[in-house]
Amino acid sequence: MEPSQAVRTGASGRWRTLAIVIGVSVAVGVASGLLSRPLGLSPGTLWAVTFPSVFLLVWLLFNARAAAIDEPTAQARHAVLLDASARGRRLVQVIGPMAGTFIGSFGIALLVREGGGGIGAGVAVVVGVALILASLACPISWTVLYKGHQIRFDNYPCIAERLFIDGVLVDRGGFGVVMTLRGRIAGGDGGGEQIVATSRAGLVAFTCRIVAVP
């Protein structure tokens, strides 16, 4: 598999996850604002009930994919290049988008309920979007050397996982808990060997295991 082919077969585009996060914020906010009046509840009350429910549903949906570990890779003869986890930066990655979605959707709920008015609601929307975008500046990265080749794995909270071999992007992930990225060493020592990076995005820790498969 050539590097360019690996990128084309990635699980999603670079901005798919970011679009999903913002989309969920808008959907929850609009729903809370529209339903609050007929239900006789304030937007804040309805939003406080709706947001955690939606978040839990999305988390359970994608957490179910965590069992889909790549069995052929697990059974193959391979060399382990990295087996690590990160907690501090993972907490920032989780809190940033979550807080942004939380605040932004509340602002949207108020805007919908008030017919587009309210300075506070507008500020909440701006702050929410700013927190989501700011989380892009906090990646989790590991770099290892294998037979003279540089292998780098990056994870961004809103644009997913990316695998580089000698500076070339060979594969990227998408929205989910467990991701498996693959790419081949183009040439030189170890040329043709496949690099497989399996990651798990937990709430408090992000783990990554990189192996080289002959």
C-alpha atoms as a PDB file:
ATOM      1  CA  MET A   1       0.000   0.000   0.000  1.00  0.00           C
ATOM      2  CA  GLU A   2       1.473   3.361  -1.008  1.00  0.00           C
ATOM      3  CA  PRO A   3       1.255   6.258   1.474  1.00  0.00           C
ATOM      4  CA  SER A   4      -1.188   8.182  -0.720  1.00  0.00           C
ATOM      5  CA  GLN A   5      -3.471   5.152  -0.939  1.00  0.00           C
ATOM      6  CA  ALA A   6      -3.400   4.733   2.833  1.00  0.00           C
ATOM      7  CA  VAL A   7      -4.544   8.320   3.335  1.00  0.00           C
ATOM      8  CA  ARG A   8      -7.428   7.918   0.893  1.00  0.00           C
ATOM      9  CA  THR A   9      -8.675   4.861   2.754  1.00  0.00           C
ATOM     10  CA  GLY A  10      -8.690   6.623   6.142  1.00  0.00           C
ATOM     11  CA  ALA A  11     -11.807   6.362   8.298  1.00  0.00           C
ATOM     12  CA  SER A  12     -12.807   9.972   7.769  1.00  0.00           C
ATOM     13  CA  GLY A  13     -11.776  13.404   6.563  1.00  0.00           C
ATOM     14  CA  ARG A  14      -9.687  15.664   8.776  1.00  0.00           C
ATOM     15  CA  TRP A  15     -12.639  17.719   9.967  1.00  0.00           C
ATOM     16  CA  ARG A  16     -15.330  15.075  10.331  1.00  0.00           C
ATOM     17  CA  THR A  17     -15.030  14.812  14.109  1.00  0.00           C
ATOM     18  CA  LEU A  18     -14.973  18.588  14.539  1.00  0.00           C
ATOM     19  CA  ALA A  19     -18.132  18.847  12.433  1.00  0.00           C
ATOM     20  CA  ILE A  20     -19.812  16.170  14.564  1.00  0.00           C
ATOM     21  CA  VAL A  21     -18.936  17.953  17.829  1.00  0.00           C
ATOM     22  CA  ILE A  22     -20.290  21.287  16.606  1.00  0.00           C
ATOM     23  CA  GLY A  23     -23.302  19.558  15.018  1.00  0.00           C
ATOM     24  CA  VAL A  24     -24.216  17.884  18.310  1.00  0.00           C
ATOM     25  CA  SER A  25     -23.930  21.253  20.087  1.00  0.00           C
ATOM     26  CA  VAL A  26     -26.285  22.916  17.602  1.00  0.00           C
ATOM     27  CA  ALA A  27     -28.765  20.012  17.595  1.00  0.00           C
ATOM     28  CA  VAL A  28     -28.978  19.796  21.390  1.00  0.00           C
ATOM     29  CA  GLY A  29     -29.244  23.569  21.742  1.00  0.00           C
ATOM     30  CA  VAL A  30     -31.989  23.950  19.117  1.00  0.00           C
ATOM     31  CA  ALA A  31     -33.958  21.013  20.527  1.00  0.00           C
ATOM     32  CA  SER A  32     -33.747  22.386  24.067  1.00  0.00           C
ATOM     33  CA  GLY A  33     -34.802  25.865  22.960  1.00  0.00           C
ATOM     34  CA  LEU A  34     -37.752  24.695  20.850  1.00  0.00           C
ATOM     35  CA  LEU A  35     -39.105  22.171  23.349  1.00  0.00           C
ATOM     36  CA  SER A  36     -38.698  24.268  26.483  1.00  0.00           C
ATOM     37  CA  ARG A  37     -41.789  26.426  25.879  1.00  0.00           C
ATOM     38  CA  PRO A  38     -44.359  23.681  25.093  1.00  0.00           C
ATOM     39  CA  LEU A  39     -43.032  21.582  27.984  1.00  0.00           C
ATOM     40  CA  GLY A  40     -43.186  24.502  30.382  1.00  0.00           C
ATOM     41  CA  LEU A  41     -39.493  24.240  31.294  1.00  0.00           C
ATOM     42  CA  SER A  42     -36.695  26.775  31.077  1.00  0.00           C
ATOM     43  CA  PRO A  43     -34.103  26.176  28.330  1.00  0.00           C
ATOM     44  CA  GLY A  44     -31.477  25.631  31.017  1.00  0.00           C
ATOM     45  CA  THR A  45     -33.494  22.929  32.767  1.00  0.00           C
ATOM     46  CA  LEU A  46     -34.322  21.046  29.585  1.00  0.00           C
ATOM     47  CA  TRP A  47     -30.764  21.404  28.312  1.00  0.00           C
ATOM     48  CA  ALA A  48     -29.369  20.071  31.614  1.00  0.00           C
ATOM     49  CA  VAL A  49     -31.419  16.904  31.081  1.00  0.00           C
ATOM     50  CA  THR A  50     -30.899  16.540  27.327  1.00  0.00           C
ATOM     51  CA  PHE A  51     -27.156  17.149  27.056  1.00  0.00           C
ATOM     52  CA  PRO A  52     -25.963  14.410  29.461  1.00  0.00           C
ATOM     53  CA  SER A  53     -28.399  11.944  27.852  1.00  0.00           C
ATOM     54  CA  VAL A  54     -27.125  12.658  24.335  1.00  0.00           C
ATOM     55  CA  PHE A  55     -23.498  12.535  25.450  1.00  0.00           C
ATOM     56  CA  LEU A  56     -24.028   9.187  27.197  1.00  0.00           C
ATOM     57  CA  LEU A  57     -25.791   7.745  24.127  1.00  0.00           C
ATOM     58  CA  VAL A  58     -22.983   8.822  21.791  1.00  0.00           C
ATOM     59  CA  TRP A  59     -20.320   7.488  24.150  1.00  0.00           C
ATOM     60  CA  LEU A  60     -22.022   4.101  24.533  1.00  0.00           C
ATOM     61  CA  LEU A  61     -22.549   3.857  20.770  1.00  0.00           C
ATOM     62  CA  PHE A  62     -18.885   4.323  19.925  1.00  0.00           C
ATOM     63  CA  ASN A  63     -17.572   2.538  22.997  1.00  0.00           C
ATOM     64  CA  ALA A  64     -19.271  -0.604  21.667  1.00  0.00           C
ATOM     65  CA  ARG A  65     -16.683  -0.545  18.871  1.00  0.00           C
ATOM     66  CA  ALA A  66     -13.901  -0.957  21.417  1.00  0.00           C
ATOM     67  CA  ALA A  67     -14.205  -4.749  21.242  1.00  0.00           C
ATOM     68  CA  ALA A  68     -13.302  -4.720  17.562  1.00  0.00           C
ATOM     69  CA  ILE A  69      -9.564  -5.213  18.114  1.00  0.00           C
ATOM     70  CA  ASP A  70      -7.648  -6.299  15.029  1.00  0.00           C
ATOM     71  CA  GLU A  71      -7.224 -10.020  15.747  1.00  0.00           C
ATOM     72  CA  PRO A  72      -4.944 -10.808  12.769  1.00  0.00           C
ATOM     73  CA  THR A  73      -2.513  -8.135  13.971  1.00  0.00           C
ATOM     74  CA  ALA A  74      -2.689  -9.422  17.540  1.00  0.00           C
ATOM     75  CA  GLN A  75      -1.783 -12.952  16.387  1.00  0.00           C
ATOM     76  CA  ALA A  76       0.884 -12.019  13.843  1.00  0.00           C
ATOM     77  CA  ARG A  77       4.618 -12.074  14.542  1.00  0.00           C
ATOM     78  CA  HIS A  78       5.580  -8.494  15.233  1.00  0.00           C
ATOM     79  CA  ALA A  79       7.992  -6.164  16.995  1.00  0.00           C
ATOM     80  CA  VAL A  80       6.509  -3.820  19.601  1.00  0.00           C
ATOM     81  CA  LEU A  81       7.792  -0.293  19.036  1.00  0.00           C
ATOM     82  CA  LEU A  82       5.612   1.573  21.533  1.00  0.00           C
ATOM     83  CA  ASP A  83       3.168   0.755  24.292  1.00  0.00           C
ATOM     84  CA  ALA A  84       2.308   3.968  26.130  1.00  0.00           C
ATOM     85  CA  SER A  85      -0.491   6.046  27.604  1.00  0.00           C
ATOM     86  CA  ALA A  86      -1.128   9.742  28.307  1.00  0.00           C
ATOM     87  CA  ARG A  87      -3.414  11.116  31.008  1.00  0.00           C
ATOM     88  CA  GLY A  88      -2.802  14.823  31.545  1.00  0.00           C
ATOM     89  CA  ARG A  89      -3.206  15.893  27.931  1.00  0.00           C
ATOM     90  CA  ARG A  90      -6.084  13.454  27.487  1.00  0.00           C
ATOM     91  CA  LEU A  91      -8.012  15.207  30.242  1.00  0.00           C
ATOM     92  CA  VAL A  92      -7.481  18.526  28.433  1.00  0.00           C
ATOM     93  CA  GLN A  93      -8.617  16.923  25.160  1.00  0.00           C
ATOM     94  CA  VAL A  94     -11.805  15.636  26.778  1.00  0.00           C
ATOM     95  CA  ILE A  95     -12.653  18.674  28.908  1.00  0.00           C
ATOM     96  CA  GLY A  96     -12.082  21.232  26.117  1.00  0.00           C
ATOM     97  CA  PRO A  97     -14.563  19.914  23.516  1.00  0.00           C
ATOM     98  CA  MET A  98     -16.998  18.779  26.234  1.00  0.00           C
ATOM     99  CA  ALA A  99     -17.043  22.186  27.941  1.00  0.00           C
ATOM    100  CA  GLY A 100     -17.295  23.908  24.554  1.00  0.00           C
ATOM    101  CA  THR A 101     -20.237  21.744  23.539  1.00  0.00           C
ATOM    102  CA  PHE A 102     -21.810  22.207  26.976  1.00  0.00           C
ATOM    103  CA  ILE A 103     -21.598  26.016  26.941  1.00  0.00           C
ATOM    104  CA  GLY A 104     -22.268  26.460  23.220  1.00  0.00           C
ATOM    105  CA  SER A 105     -25.400  24.322  23.173  1.00  0.00           C
ATOM    106  CA  PHE A 106     -26.751  26.192  26.198  1.00  0.00           C
ATOM    107  CA  GLY A 107     -26.218  29.498  24.395  1.00  0.00           C
ATOM    108  CA  ILE A 108     -27.995  28.181  21.295  1.00  0.00           C
ATOM    109  CA  ALA A 109     -30.901  26.988  23.444  1.00  0.00           C
ATOM    110  CA  LEU A 110     -31.290  30.491  24.880  1.00  0.00           C
ATOM    111  CA  LEU A 111     -31.045  32.109  21.439  1.00  0.00           C
ATOM    112  CA  VAL A 112     -33.768  29.840  20.032  1.00  0.00           C
ATOM    113  CA  ARG A 113     -36.051  30.380  23.036  1.00  0.00           C
ATOM    114  CA  GLU A 114     -35.566  34.169  23.007  1.00  0.00           C
ATOM    115  CA  GLY A 115     -35.985  34.479  19.256  1.00  0.00           C
ATOM    116  CA  GLY A 116     -32.364  35.366  18.566  1.00  0.00           C
ATOM    117  CA  GLY A 117     -31.874  37.910  21.352  1.00  0.00           C
ATOM    118  CA  GLY A 118     -29.687  37.988  24.428  1.00  0.00           C
ATOM    119  CA  ILE A 119     -26.067  39.125  24.668  1.00  0.00           C
ATOM    120  CA  GLY A 120     -25.290  36.446  27.230  1.00  0.00           C
ATOM    121  CA  ALA A 121     -26.523  33.723  24.895  1.00  0.00           C
ATOM    122  CA  GLY A 122     -24.359  35.030  22.074  1.00  0.00           C
ATOM    123  CA  VAL A 123     -21.313  35.158  24.344  1.00  0.00           C
ATOM    124  CA  ALA A 124     -21.947  31.553  25.416  1.00  0.00           C
ATOM    125  CA  VAL A 125     -22.007  30.407  21.786  1.00  0.00           C
ATOM    126  CA  VAL A 126     -18.737  32.236  21.021  1.00  0.00           C
ATOM    127  CA  VAL A 127     -17.042  30.855  24.148  1.00  0.00           C
ATOM    128  CA  GLY A 128     -18.241  27.345  23.324  1.00  0.00           C
ATOM    129  CA  VAL A 129     -16.864  27.429  19.784  1.00  0.00           C
ATOM    130  CA  ALA A 130     -13.603  28.978  21.048  1.00  0.00           C
ATOM    131  CA  LEU A 131     -13.089  26.137  23.540  1.00  0.00           C
ATOM    132  CA  ILE A 132     -13.666  23.525  20.853  1.00  0.00           C
ATOM    133  CA  LEU A 133     -11.194  25.196  18.482  1.00  0.00           C
ATOM    134  CA  ALA A 134      -8.637  25.769  21.270  1.00  0.00           C
ATOM    135  CA  SER A 135      -8.590  22.031  21.990  1.00  0.00           C
ATOM    136  CA  LEU A 136      -6.997  21.546  18.555  1.00  0.00           C
ATOM    137  CA  ALA A 137      -3.786  22.992  19.993  1.00  0.00           C
ATOM    138  CA  CYS A 138      -3.354  20.130  22.481  1.00  0.00           C
ATOM    139  CA  PRO A 139      -2.227  17.005  20.604  1.00  0.00           C
ATOM    140  CA  ILE A 140      -0.973  13.747  22.086  1.00  0.00           C
ATOM    141  CA  SER A 141       2.114  12.639  20.154  1.00  0.00           C
ATOM    142  CA  TRP A 142       4.700   9.866  20.253  1.00  0.00           C
ATOM    143  CA  THR A 143       7.737   9.403  18.018  1.00  0.00           C
ATOM    144  CA  VAL A 144       9.817   6.216  17.765  1.00  0.00           C
ATOM    145  CA  LEU A 145      12.699   5.127  15.555  1.00  0.00           C
ATOM    146  CA  TYR A 146      12.666   1.751  13.812  1.00  0.00           C
ATOM    147  CA  LYS A 147      15.516   0.594  11.577  1.00  0.00           C
ATOM    148  CA  GLY A 148      16.430   4.183  10.823  1.00  0.00           C
ATOM    149  CA  HIS A 149      12.832   5.270  10.083  1.00  0.00           C
ATOM    150  CA  GLN A 150      10.868   7.813  12.110  1.00  0.00           C
ATOM    151  CA  ILE A 151       7.402   6.653  13.147  1.00  0.00           C
ATOM    152  CA  ARG A 152       5.119   9.334  14.602  1.00  0.00           C
ATOM    153  CA  PHE A 153       1.596   9.031  15.970  1.00  0.00           C
ATOM    154  CA  ASP A 154      -0.517  12.123  16.654  1.00  0.00           C
ATOM    155  CA  ASN A 155      -3.947  12.394  18.210  1.00  0.00           C
ATOM    156  CA  TYR A 156      -5.965  15.596  18.146  1.00  0.00           C
ATOM    157  CA  PRO A 157      -9.231  15.842  20.109  1.00  0.00           C
ATOM    158  CA  CYS A 158     -11.260  17.074  17.136  1.00  0.00           C
ATOM    159  CA  ILE A 159      -9.401  15.914  14.024  1.00  0.00           C
ATOM    160  CA  ALA A 160      -8.622  12.372  15.125  1.00  0.00           C
ATOM    161  CA  GLU A 161      -5.528  10.185  14.921  1.00  0.00           C
ATOM    162  CA  ARG A 162      -2.757  10.391  12.342  1.00  0.00           C
ATOM    163  CA  LEU A 163       0.159   8.068  11.564  1.00  0.00           C
ATOM    164  CA  PHE A 164       3.343   9.316   9.876  1.00  0.00           C
ATOM    165  CA  ILE A 165       6.267   7.314   8.513  1.00  0.00           C
ATOM    166  CA  ASP A 166       9.372   9.380   7.748  1.00  0.00           C
ATOM    167  CA  GLY A 167       7.264  12.538   7.803  1.00  0.00           C
ATOM    168  CA  VAL A 168       4.666  11.220   5.348  1.00  0.00           C
ATOM    169  CA  LEU A 169       1.023  10.886   6.443  1.00  0.00           C
ATOM    170  CA  VAL A 170       0.075   7.260   5.742  1.00  0.00           C
ATOM    171  CA  ASP A 171      -3.254   6.866   7.556  1.00  0.00           C
ATOM    172  CA  ARG A 172      -5.691   8.704   9.806  1.00  0.00           C
ATOM    173  CA  GLY A 173      -8.561   7.769  12.089  1.00  0.00           C
ATOM    174  CA  GLY A 174     -12.005   9.148  12.785  1.00  0.00           C
ATOM    175  CA  PHE A 175     -14.786   9.242  15.354  1.00  0.00           C
ATOM    176  CA  GLY A 176     -14.597   6.244  17.684  1.00  0.00           C
ATOM    177  CA  VAL A 177     -12.928   4.738  20.740  1.00  0.00           C
ATOM    178  CA  VAL A 178     -10.552   2.165  19.233  1.00  0.00           C
ATOM    179  CA  MET A 179      -8.705   2.961  16.012  1.00  0.00           C
ATOM    180  CA  THR A 180      -6.186   0.936  14.002  1.00  0.00           C
ATOM    181  CA  LEU A 181      -3.963   2.846  11.585  1.00  0.00           C
ATOM    182  CA  ARG A 182      -1.627   1.184   9.073  1.00  0.00           C
ATOM    183  CA  GLY A 183       1.153   2.127   6.708  1.00  0.00           C
ATOM    184  CA  ARG A 184       4.178   0.509   5.055  1.00  0.00           C
ATOM    185  CA  ILE A 185       7.816   1.527   5.156  1.00  0.00           C
ATOM    186  CA  ALA A 186       8.570   2.667   1.627  1.00  0.00           C
ATOM    187  CA  GLY A 187      12.207   1.581   1.343  1.00  0.00           C
ATOM    188  CA  GLY A 188      15.576   1.149   2.995  1.00  0.00           C
ATOM    189  CA  ASP A 189      16.134  -1.100   5.974  1.00  0.00           C
ATOM    190  CA  GLY A 190      12.779  -2.637   6.865  1.00  0.00           C
ATOM    191  CA  GLY A 191      11.246  -1.622   3.528  1.00  0.00           C
ATOM    192  CA  GLY A 192       7.870  -3.266   2.964  1.00  0.00           C
ATOM    193  CA  GLU A 193       7.206  -3.900   6.652  1.00  0.00           C
ATOM    194  CA  GLN A 194       3.806  -2.756   7.876  1.00  0.00           C
ATOM    195  CA  ILE A 195       3.492  -0.359  10.798  1.00  0.00           C
ATOM    196  CA  VAL A 196       0.281  -0.817  12.795  1.00  0.00           C
ATOM    197  CA  ALA A 197      -0.812   1.675  15.461  1.00  0.00           C
ATOM    198  CA  THR A 198      -3.768   0.696  17.646  1.00  0.00           C
ATOM    199  CA  SER A 199      -5.133   3.364  19.970  1.00  0.00           C
ATOM    200  CA  ARG A 200      -7.879   3.581  22.553  1.00  0.00           C
ATOM    201  CA  ALA A 201      -9.391   6.948  23.430  1.00  0.00           C
ATOM    202  CA  GLY A 202     -10.640   6.739  27.013  1.00  0.00           C
ATOM    203  CA  LEU A 203     -12.129   9.511  29.111  1.00  0.00           C
ATOM    204  CA  VAL A 204      -9.098   9.847  31.400  1.00  0.00           C
ATOM    205  CA  ALA A 205      -6.318   8.166  29.396  1.00  0.00           C
ATOM    206  CA  PHE A 206      -5.277   7.745  25.778  1.00  0.00           C
ATOM    207  CA  THR A 207      -3.273   4.611  25.017  1.00  0.00           C
ATOM    208  CA  CYS A 208      -1.323   3.698  21.902  1.00  0.00           C
ATOM    209  CA  ARG A 209       0.474   0.533  20.796  1.00  0.00           C
ATOM    210  CA  ILE A 210       2.659   0.591  17.709  1.00  0.00           C
ATOM    211  CA  VAL A 211       4.034  -2.604  16.167  1.00  0.00           C
ATOM    212  CA  ALA A 212       6.030  -3.506  13.068  1.00  0.00           C
ATOM    213  CA  VAL A 213       4.697  -6.508  11.157  1.00  0.00           C
ATOM    214  CA  PRO A 214       7.015  -8.262   8.661  1.00  0.00           C
END
